[in-house]
Amino acid sequence: ASSNKDLKPSYESHNKDLKPSDESSNKDLKPSGESSNKDLKPSGESNNKDLKPSGDSSNRDLKPSSDSSNKDLASSDSLLQWRQGPLLGRGSYGSVHQGLTDCGRIIAVKRVFVDCAAELRRIRREVDILSCMSHPNIVQLFGTRESDGEFHIAMELVPGGSIRSLLDRFGALTERQCRGYLGQAVSGLAFLHQNGILHGDIKGHNIMVSDAGVVKLIDFGCSRRLHQHLGGGSGGGDQPPALAAAASLDAASLNGTPYWMAPELVLAFGGGAATAAARDGDGQQLKSDCWAIGCTLLEMATTLPPYSDMPPLAAVFAIGRGSPEPPALPQGFSEPAAEFYATCLRREPASRPTAQELLRHEFLLASP
């Protein structure tokens, strides 16, 4: 497409991620609090003291998730009341606003415009996955509501912004910063994989950072529950795992996410030769997220992911062919960092490390 000729961080123009609104201090989702979320104090209190929700917004009721640790929000059988506040961001799917609950907590409310059954299924899949996830590095779901063609998802607010927004504001990150953020992201990813869940869309836009530097993974719209395949004994005419993962990617997805897409997903999506990940039922398909971690490290170190100088479709062909090879990390990054990056980008999933193995890599274990 002609809009992709001069690819820069704006390569995201076709995807479904947030496009931040004018408020730079609170662009993205989620608080810096601990996973228990009992005593939320908004980061940067001086910036948030005078926050007032829109005066004409009516109270809305959200069914809270089953997480019992959120006693300050609502009990599992009650309705979470909230008032809509300032716009945080807008995308092709809808918008994200701040919300103020009846117990005084500031949250993020994602309002998704549902215009087809496929979109509704995608949203419900995201909610289903988030509702059973509890980890310090995964955004927490508080509740949902469906009404008048809109699906509202209430979740914790992360005021610091995404990795992508940090890169846009401050430029490339240092190795120390990359290590700190990426280590937390891999920790959340390892938890997902232990539960048989493929995130499917790891990139800077979907890694939030609180004002205190706490990382949270967001946007589970491309995620898939793959645990039913992990034993490899489902039999019958089940779709191979990698093909099932690729099935969540439609033509529109290729406009925003190909730069982080693993070769096995590209081949499966394109109907190419079967890879080991497409044949095996032993969890190799989860390693496509580990490829994306390597791409995200390059994004953090340079502000751009691999193949970002190409239009999306050309990038897909390059990833599928393996030529040209992805660029190296910038000079000045250590040997452990370069080795971590190279192992993430091994083309054959069987030789690529798992998220748990990445957590034990020398690069992430180095002193801060």
Protein backbone atom coordinates (compact mmCIF):
# COMPACT_ATOMS: atom_id res chain seq x y z
CA ALA A 1 0.00 0.00 0.00
CA SER A 2 1.17 3.51 -0.73
CA SER A 3 0.71 4.50 2.91
CA ASN A 4 3.49 2.15 3.85
CA LYS A 5 6.17 3.58 1.59
CA ASP A 6 8.04 5.49 4.23
CA LEU A 7 7.70 3.20 7.15
CA LYS A 8 8.49 4.67 10.58
CA PRO A 9 6.86 4.16 13.92
CA SER A 10 3.73 5.09 11.99
CA TYR A 11 3.71 1.63 10.42
CA GLU A 12 1.05 1.00 13.05
CA SER A 13 -1.46 3.05 11.07
CA HIS A 14 -3.42 0.01 9.94
CA ASN A 15 -3.57 -1.97 13.11
CA LYS A 16 -6.15 -1.97 15.80
CA ASP A 17 -4.09 -0.54 18.58
CA LEU A 18 -4.65 2.67 20.47
CA LYS A 19 -3.85 5.94 18.90
CA PRO A 20 -3.13 8.20 21.86
CA SER A 21 -5.22 11.25 22.38
CA ASP A 22 -3.80 14.67 23.16
CA GLU A 23 -3.27 13.97 26.86
CA SER A 24 0.36 12.82 26.97
CA SER A 25 0.54 12.08 30.70
CA ASN A 26 -2.08 9.38 30.75
CA LYS A 27 -2.11 7.94 27.24
CA ASP A 28 -2.37 4.25 27.86
CA LEU A 29 -3.94 1.70 30.09
CA LYS A 30 -3.16 0.60 33.58
CA PRO A 31 -1.92 1.34 37.10
CA SER A 32 1.41 0.66 38.67
CA GLY A 33 -0.13 -1.20 41.58
CA GLU A 34 0.62 -4.72 42.78
CA SER A 35 -1.46 -7.59 41.53
CA SER A 36 -3.75 -7.52 44.56
CA ASN A 37 -4.95 -4.05 43.56
CA LYS A 38 -6.28 -3.36 47.04
CA ASP A 39 -4.98 0.15 47.56
CA LEU A 40 -4.69 1.77 44.19
CA LYS A 41 -3.05 5.15 44.24
CA PRO A 42 -2.81 6.73 40.79
CA SER A 43 0.77 7.38 39.70
CA GLY A 44 1.75 11.00 39.42
CA GLU A 45 -0.80 12.09 42.00
CA SER A 46 -0.23 15.75 41.29
CA ASN A 47 -1.27 15.23 37.67
CA ASN A 48 -4.42 13.37 38.59
CA LYS A 49 -5.78 15.38 41.52
CA ASP A 50 -8.16 17.39 39.45
CA LEU A 51 -9.36 14.61 37.18
CA LYS A 52 -13.11 14.87 36.70
CA PRO A 53 -15.20 12.51 34.62
CA SER A 54 -17.44 13.97 31.98
CA GLY A 55 -20.35 15.59 33.72
CA ASP A 56 -23.01 14.24 31.41
CA SER A 57 -21.90 10.61 31.56
CA SER A 58 -24.40 8.31 33.17
CA ASN A 59 -23.57 5.50 35.56
CA ARG A 60 -23.05 2.20 33.86
CA ASP A 61 -23.16 -1.28 35.21
CA LEU A 62 -20.41 -3.78 34.55
CA LYS A 63 -20.36 -7.40 35.57
CA PRO A 64 -17.16 -7.78 37.57
CA SER A 65 -14.75 -10.61 37.00
CA SER A 66 -14.44 -13.39 39.50
CA ASP A 67 -11.13 -12.21 41.01
CA SER A 68 -11.80 -12.17 44.75
CA SER A 69 -8.85 -9.87 45.45
CA ASN A 70 -10.77 -6.86 44.09
CA LYS A 71 -12.94 -6.40 47.13
CA ASP A 72 -12.85 -2.62 46.75
CA LEU A 73 -14.54 -2.82 43.35
CA ALA A 74 -17.52 -5.05 43.83
CA SER A 75 -18.49 -8.54 44.89
CA SER A 76 -18.83 -11.20 42.21
CA ASP A 77 -22.61 -11.05 42.27
CA SER A 78 -23.01 -7.27 42.24
CA LEU A 79 -22.73 -4.66 39.53
CA LEU A 80 -19.71 -2.38 39.14
CA GLN A 81 -20.88 1.21 38.76
CA TRP A 82 -18.75 3.73 36.90
CA ARG A 83 -18.82 7.13 35.25
CA GLN A 84 -17.06 7.77 31.99
CA GLY A 85 -14.15 10.21 32.06
CA PRO A 86 -11.57 11.59 29.61
CA LEU A 87 -10.68 9.87 26.36
CA LEU A 88 -7.35 8.04 26.56
CA GLY A 89 -7.13 6.77 23.01
CA ARG A 90 -9.07 5.80 19.94
CA GLY A 91 -8.64 3.06 17.34
CA SER A 92 -10.55 1.35 14.57
CA TYR A 93 -12.18 -0.94 17.16
CA GLY A 94 -13.53 1.88 19.34
CA SER A 95 -12.05 3.90 22.17
CA VAL A 96 -10.60 3.75 25.68
CA HIS A 97 -11.69 6.14 28.41
CA GLN A 98 -10.85 6.69 32.02
CA GLY A 99 -13.62 5.63 34.35
CA LEU A 100 -14.39 6.40 37.98
CA THR A 101 -16.00 3.60 39.97
CA ASP A 102 -18.53 4.09 42.74
CA CYS A 103 -15.82 3.20 45.27
CA GLY A 104 -13.54 5.95 43.94
CA ARG A 105 -11.14 3.89 41.86
CA ILE A 106 -9.88 5.18 38.50
CA ILE A 107 -9.97 2.50 35.83
CA ALA A 108 -9.66 2.16 32.06
CA VAL A 109 -12.81 1.31 30.10
CA LYS A 110 -12.39 -0.09 26.61
CA ARG A 111 -15.47 0.57 24.48
CA VAL A 112 -15.57 -1.72 21.45
CA PHE A 113 -18.04 -1.21 18.62
CA VAL A 114 -19.41 -4.62 17.70
CA ASP A 115 -20.66 -4.76 14.11
CA CYS A 116 -20.30 -8.47 13.33
CA ALA A 117 -20.38 -11.87 15.00
CA ALA A 118 -16.65 -12.44 14.37
CA GLU A 119 -15.74 -9.27 16.26
CA LEU A 120 -17.97 -10.26 19.16
CA ARG A 121 -16.29 -13.68 19.32
CA ARG A 122 -12.87 -12.02 19.36
CA ILE A 123 -13.87 -9.75 22.23
CA ARG A 124 -15.39 -12.58 24.23
CA ARG A 125 -12.26 -14.65 23.70
CA GLU A 126 -10.14 -11.78 25.06
CA VAL A 127 -12.42 -11.41 28.08
CA ASP A 128 -12.46 -15.17 28.68
CA ILE A 129 -8.67 -15.30 28.79
CA LEU A 130 -8.24 -12.19 30.95
CA SER A 131 -10.91 -13.29 33.42
CA CYS A 132 -8.84 -16.27 34.56
CA MET A 133 -5.39 -14.64 34.48
CA SER A 134 -3.84 -13.21 37.65
CA HIS A 135 -0.20 -12.17 37.33
CA PRO A 136 1.71 -8.97 38.20
CA ASN A 137 2.70 -8.50 34.55
CA ILE A 138 -0.71 -9.07 32.94
CA VAL A 139 -3.38 -6.38 32.88
CA GLN A 140 -6.25 -7.16 35.22
CA LEU A 141 -9.86 -7.39 34.12
CA PHE A 142 -12.49 -5.91 36.46
CA GLY A 143 -15.69 -6.48 34.54
CA THR A 144 -17.59 -6.31 31.25
CA ARG A 145 -20.87 -5.02 29.90
CA GLU A 146 -22.59 -5.47 26.54
CA SER A 147 -25.17 -2.92 25.42
CA ASP A 148 -26.51 -1.28 22.25
CA GLY A 149 -23.87 -2.64 19.88
CA GLU A 150 -21.00 -1.80 22.24
CA PHE A 151 -18.94 -4.07 24.46
CA HIS A 152 -17.39 -2.38 27.49
CA ILE A 153 -14.32 -3.91 29.17
CA ALA A 154 -13.27 -2.41 32.51
CA MET A 155 -9.63 -3.01 33.44
CA GLU A 156 -6.85 -1.52 35.48
CA LEU A 157 -5.38 1.76 34.27
CA VAL A 158 -1.68 2.01 33.42
CA PRO A 159 -0.88 5.72 33.32
CA GLY A 160 2.75 5.44 32.16
CA GLY A 161 1.98 4.39 28.59
CA SER A 162 3.08 1.63 26.26
CA ILE A 163 6.62 0.77 25.21
CA ARG A 164 5.67 2.21 21.83
CA SER A 165 4.66 5.51 23.39
CA LEU A 166 7.92 5.63 25.40
CA LEU A 167 9.88 5.17 22.19
CA ASP A 168 7.89 7.93 20.51
CA ARG A 169 8.50 10.28 23.44
CA PHE A 170 12.06 9.44 24.46
CA GLY A 171 13.67 7.56 21.57
CA ALA A 172 15.54 4.26 21.69
CA LEU A 173 16.04 2.61 25.08
CA THR A 174 19.31 1.61 26.69
CA GLU A 175 20.25 -2.02 27.25
CA ARG A 176 19.49 -1.66 30.96
CA GLN A 177 16.01 -0.31 30.23
CA CYS A 178 15.39 -3.04 27.65
CA ARG A 179 16.41 -5.70 30.16
CA GLY A 180 14.16 -4.33 32.90
CA TYR A 181 11.07 -4.07 30.73
CA LEU A 182 11.62 -7.22 28.68
CA GLY A 183 12.30 -9.38 31.73
CA GLN A 184 8.88 -8.51 33.14
CA ALA A 185 7.19 -9.05 29.77
CA VAL A 186 8.76 -12.50 29.46
CA SER A 187 7.64 -13.32 33.00
CA GLY A 188 4.03 -12.56 32.07
CA LEU A 189 4.44 -14.47 28.81
CA ALA A 190 5.82 -17.54 30.62
CA PHE A 191 2.76 -17.51 32.86
CA LEU A 192 0.47 -17.45 29.81
CA HIS A 193 2.34 -20.31 28.18
CA GLN A 194 2.20 -22.39 31.35
CA ASN A 195 -1.56 -22.04 31.07
CA GLY A 196 -1.59 -23.06 27.40
CA ILE A 197 -2.29 -19.56 26.07
CA LEU A 198 -0.62 -18.01 23.03
CA HIS A 199 -0.67 -14.19 23.24
CA GLY A 200 -0.30 -13.82 19.48
CA ASP A 201 0.43 -10.09 19.33
CA ILE A 202 3.52 -9.26 21.39
CA LYS A 203 4.96 -5.86 20.40
CA GLY A 204 5.71 -2.47 21.91
CA HIS A 205 2.12 -1.28 21.60
CA ASN A 206 0.89 -4.17 23.75
CA ILE A 207 3.40 -3.86 26.57
CA MET A 208 2.35 -1.20 29.06
CA VAL A 209 4.66 0.44 31.59
CA SER A 210 3.40 2.10 34.77
CA ASP A 211 4.93 5.27 36.18
CA ALA A 212 6.83 3.02 38.61
CA GLY A 213 8.25 0.88 35.78
CA VAL A 214 5.94 -2.11 36.23
CA VAL A 215 5.21 -3.87 32.93
CA LYS A 216 1.81 -5.28 31.98
CA LEU A 217 0.85 -7.24 28.88
CA ILE A 218 -2.38 -6.08 27.23
CA ASP A 219 -4.55 -6.76 24.15
CA PHE A 220 -5.49 -10.43 24.08
CA GLY A 221 -7.66 -10.12 21.00
CA CYS A 222 -5.33 -12.40 18.99
CA SER A 223 -4.73 -14.83 21.85
CA ARG A 224 -5.63 -18.47 21.57
CA ARG A 225 -6.17 -21.21 24.13
CA LEU A 226 -3.98 -23.99 22.84
CA HIS A 227 -3.95 -26.32 25.83
CA GLN A 228 -6.36 -28.65 24.09
CA HIS A 229 -3.61 -29.33 21.53
CA LEU A 230 -0.63 -29.58 23.88
CA GLY A 231 -1.01 -33.27 24.52
CA GLY A 232 -1.05 -33.98 20.80
CA GLY A 233 -3.69 -36.65 21.21
CA SER A 234 -6.81 -34.89 20.08
CA GLY A 235 -6.94 -36.99 16.92
CA GLY A 236 -9.59 -36.74 14.27
CA GLY A 237 -9.57 -33.84 11.88
CA ASP A 238 -8.35 -31.18 14.30
CA GLN A 239 -6.51 -28.29 12.75
CA PRO A 240 -2.74 -28.32 13.47
CA PRO A 241 -1.83 -25.96 16.34
CA ALA A 242 0.14 -23.44 14.31
CA LEU A 243 -2.65 -23.29 11.75
CA ALA A 244 -5.13 -22.70 14.58
CA ALA A 245 -2.99 -19.84 15.81
CA ALA A 246 -2.63 -18.39 12.33
CA ALA A 247 -6.38 -18.65 11.84
CA SER A 248 -6.79 -15.78 14.30
CA LEU A 249 -4.92 -13.52 11.89
CA ASP A 250 -7.00 -12.06 9.11
CA ALA A 251 -5.92 -9.97 6.14
CA ALA A 252 -6.34 -6.78 8.18
CA SER A 253 -3.95 -8.15 10.81
CA LEU A 254 -1.18 -8.26 8.23
CA ASN A 255 -1.29 -4.49 8.00
CA GLY A 256 -0.20 -3.99 11.58
CA THR A 257 1.53 -7.05 12.99
CA PRO A 258 3.67 -8.75 10.32
CA TYR A 259 6.88 -7.15 11.58
CA TRP A 260 6.65 -9.26 14.75
CA MET A 261 5.23 -12.40 13.13
CA ALA A 262 7.17 -15.68 13.37
CA PRO A 263 8.06 -17.58 10.17
CA GLU A 264 5.92 -20.58 11.09
CA LEU A 265 2.83 -18.35 11.38
CA VAL A 266 3.59 -16.69 8.06
CA LEU A 267 3.91 -20.07 6.36
CA ALA A 268 0.78 -21.43 8.05
CA PHE A 269 -1.22 -18.31 7.19
CA GLY A 270 -0.10 -18.49 3.58
CA GLY A 271 -0.75 -22.20 3.26
CA GLY A 272 2.93 -22.89 2.66
CA ALA A 273 4.96 -25.95 3.56
CA ALA A 274 4.17 -27.43 6.96
CA THR A 275 6.65 -26.61 9.68
CA ALA A 276 7.54 -28.57 12.79
CA ALA A 277 5.29 -26.29 14.80
CA ALA A 278 2.36 -27.02 12.50
CA ARG A 279 2.87 -30.78 12.80
CA ASP A 280 3.68 -31.20 16.47
CA GLY A 281 1.31 -31.03 19.40
CA ASP A 282 3.97 -30.42 22.04
CA GLY A 283 3.60 -26.71 22.52
CA GLN A 284 6.06 -25.54 19.84
CA GLN A 285 3.40 -23.17 18.53
CA LEU A 286 3.76 -21.05 21.69
CA LYS A 287 7.28 -20.17 20.61
CA SER A 288 5.94 -17.73 18.04
CA ASP A 289 5.55 -15.37 21.01
CA CYS A 290 9.26 -15.82 21.77
CA TRP A 291 10.12 -14.76 18.20
CA ALA A 292 8.02 -11.63 18.82
CA ILE A 293 10.00 -10.96 22.02
CA GLY A 294 13.18 -10.80 19.92
CA CYS A 295 11.50 -8.42 17.47
CA THR A 296 10.36 -6.27 20.40
CA LEU A 297 13.92 -6.11 21.76
CA LEU A 298 15.06 -4.67 18.42
CA GLU A 299 12.10 -2.28 18.47
CA MET A 300 13.10 -1.08 21.94
CA ALA A 301 16.77 -0.75 20.99
CA THR A 302 16.22 1.08 17.68
CA THR A 303 12.56 2.31 17.85
CA LEU A 304 11.72 0.02 14.88
CA PRO A 305 11.02 -3.72 14.53
CA PRO A 306 12.69 -5.94 11.90
CA TYR A 307 11.78 -5.29 8.27
CA SER A 308 10.15 -1.97 9.17
CA ASP A 309 11.66 -0.44 6.03
CA MET A 310 9.32 -2.62 3.96
CA PRO A 311 5.57 -2.43 3.36
CA PRO A 312 3.65 -5.05 5.39
CA LEU A 313 3.19 -7.57 2.57
CA ALA A 314 6.85 -7.37 1.56
CA ALA A 315 7.82 -7.92 5.19
CA VAL A 316 5.65 -11.04 5.28
CA PHE A 317 7.48 -12.48 2.25
CA ALA A 318 10.86 -11.60 3.76
CA ILE A 319 10.00 -13.34 7.04
CA GLY A 320 8.69 -16.38 5.19
CA ARG A 321 11.80 -16.65 2.99
CA GLY A 322 14.25 -15.75 5.75
CA SER A 323 15.92 -13.29 3.41
CA PRO A 324 17.12 -10.71 4.08
CA GLU A 325 18.03 -11.58 7.65
CA PRO A 326 16.80 -9.31 10.47
CA PRO A 327 19.22 -6.50 11.39
CA ALA A 328 21.59 -6.85 14.33
CA LEU A 329 21.22 -4.99 17.61
CA PRO A 330 22.98 -1.59 17.70
CA GLN A 331 26.65 -1.40 18.57
CA GLY A 332 27.16 -1.02 22.29
CA PHE A 333 24.75 -3.78 23.27
CA SER A 334 26.47 -6.62 25.13
CA GLU A 335 27.22 -10.09 23.84
CA PRO A 336 24.54 -11.65 26.11
CA ALA A 337 21.97 -9.21 24.65
CA ALA A 338 22.99 -10.12 21.10
CA GLU A 339 22.84 -13.84 21.92
CA PHE A 340 19.39 -13.46 23.52
CA TYR A 341 18.16 -11.66 20.39
CA ALA A 342 19.63 -14.30 18.08
CA THR A 343 18.09 -17.22 19.99
CA CYS A 344 14.65 -15.58 19.90
CA LEU A 345 14.93 -15.26 16.12
CA ARG A 346 15.88 -18.86 15.36
CA ARG A 347 13.71 -19.80 12.43
CA GLU A 348 12.98 -23.37 13.50
CA PRO A 349 10.61 -23.35 16.52
CA ALA A 350 12.14 -26.56 17.91
CA SER A 351 15.49 -24.79 18.35
CA ARG A 352 13.96 -21.58 19.69
CA PRO A 353 13.87 -21.28 23.51
CA THR A 354 10.65 -21.33 25.49
CA ALA A 355 9.57 -18.34 27.56
CA GLN A 356 10.71 -20.16 30.70
CA GLU A 357 14.14 -20.71 29.16
CA LEU A 358 14.34 -17.06 28.16
CA LEU A 359 13.75 -16.09 31.80
CA ARG A 360 16.93 -17.97 32.72
CA HIS A 361 19.01 -16.39 29.95
CA GLU A 362 22.14 -14.52 31.00
CA PHE A 363 20.85 -11.30 29.44
CA LEU A 364 17.77 -11.13 31.68
CA LEU A 365 19.62 -12.40 34.76
CA ALA A 366 22.32 -9.72 34.57
CA SER A 367 22.41 -7.09 37.32
CA PRO A 368 20.14 -4.09 36.62
